[in-house]
């Protein structure tokens, strides 16, 4: 028997889609509400969930531990309201749960709209074992308790689901802009590092945030401290530290950044988890005139994750730079199919169409790019593109 466990508050806009995604897979739906003022509770109950009420304890780890008390299944799947289970993952997950020695199943999560790292790995499906508990601030996880349990009961093993299992919308740029997630992450990781200086996980999270916000020196210091303390077999943490250290070094020392990306790619991770390093290295090599290796990297990325538009978009950029207009058009069109909201894809498709002599197609794609930029609040970019494109093709009429 499989139980779904969720912690929610004011999730009326998302909870139905989340619960609908597990119908036919989870036998028990348990939603723990922490004080919703909208109709989250009524919607969850209408979808067949049992709703329990608790007071918010101040962080997700204690809340999730309380929620575990309400489920009765042999297995527990933990979702947030902004996540959905992919139907394609149900069969392989059932097969893994049927194996008697599997304790935890790592789930590949598609971070829809994320600027970096379109996939992450989350330990959200596990046997209901009394020793499995949530810990850590902000990004709570069961990993610490699982590691301790495996020391005592080595007969268990952790399995990876090869099929992407979850879709997550929480890191889309427009959603991040609406909340205070970066500030809450900063506060939680600062507190974590006060308790555990150099902790690889906290160093990776806070270091990457510092780099993203332009605080390179502190970001690099944190990331290097994390690497010094990161065990050699802690592959996901090492990858994240190396990835963001490479991002920090890319503008000032491209050779060092390329070496860091190559170290990240040498780690034994699922190909989807290392997409960001592969695509970033390809972009760096293209800037250095190494278009052939850059194309090979993008081809590997699109083979590993053909569903990610960014890989096809980058492949289009490389092929156009090499003068392969037909190949660029093929890649851009696939990127457009997968991510129709990506304005840069439409813009670069327009340029490739223009180079290929398709004036009307270029005009249509330029118009679409300008429209999307406007819809996304990027009005100065839209006006700049309007002027640029207008000098090449007649946009009106």
Foldseek 3Di string as FASTA:
>chain_A
DEEEFEEDAQLVVQQLQALVQCVVQHPAYEYEYAYHPDCPVVSCVVSPHDYHYDHDPPFVQVVVQVRLVPDDDQKYAYDYSQKHWDPVQRVLVVVQVPDPQEFWEWAWEQAPQAPFQRIDIAGGMGGSDVQQGWDAGPPIHRVVSVVVVCVVVVSHDYHYRLDHTMYGHCRRVVNCVVDPVLVSLLVRLVVVCVVPPLQLVSLLSNLLSCLVVPVLVVSLVSLVSVCVPDDPLPLVSLLSSLQSNLVSCCVPPVVSSLVSLVVNVPGPDQLSRSLRSLQVNLVSVVVVVNLVVSLVSLVVSCVSPVLALVSLQSNLVSCVVVVNLVSSLVSLVSSCVNCVLDLVSLQSNLVSCVVVPNQVSSLVSLVSSLVSCVVVVNNVVSVVSCVVVCVPHPNDD
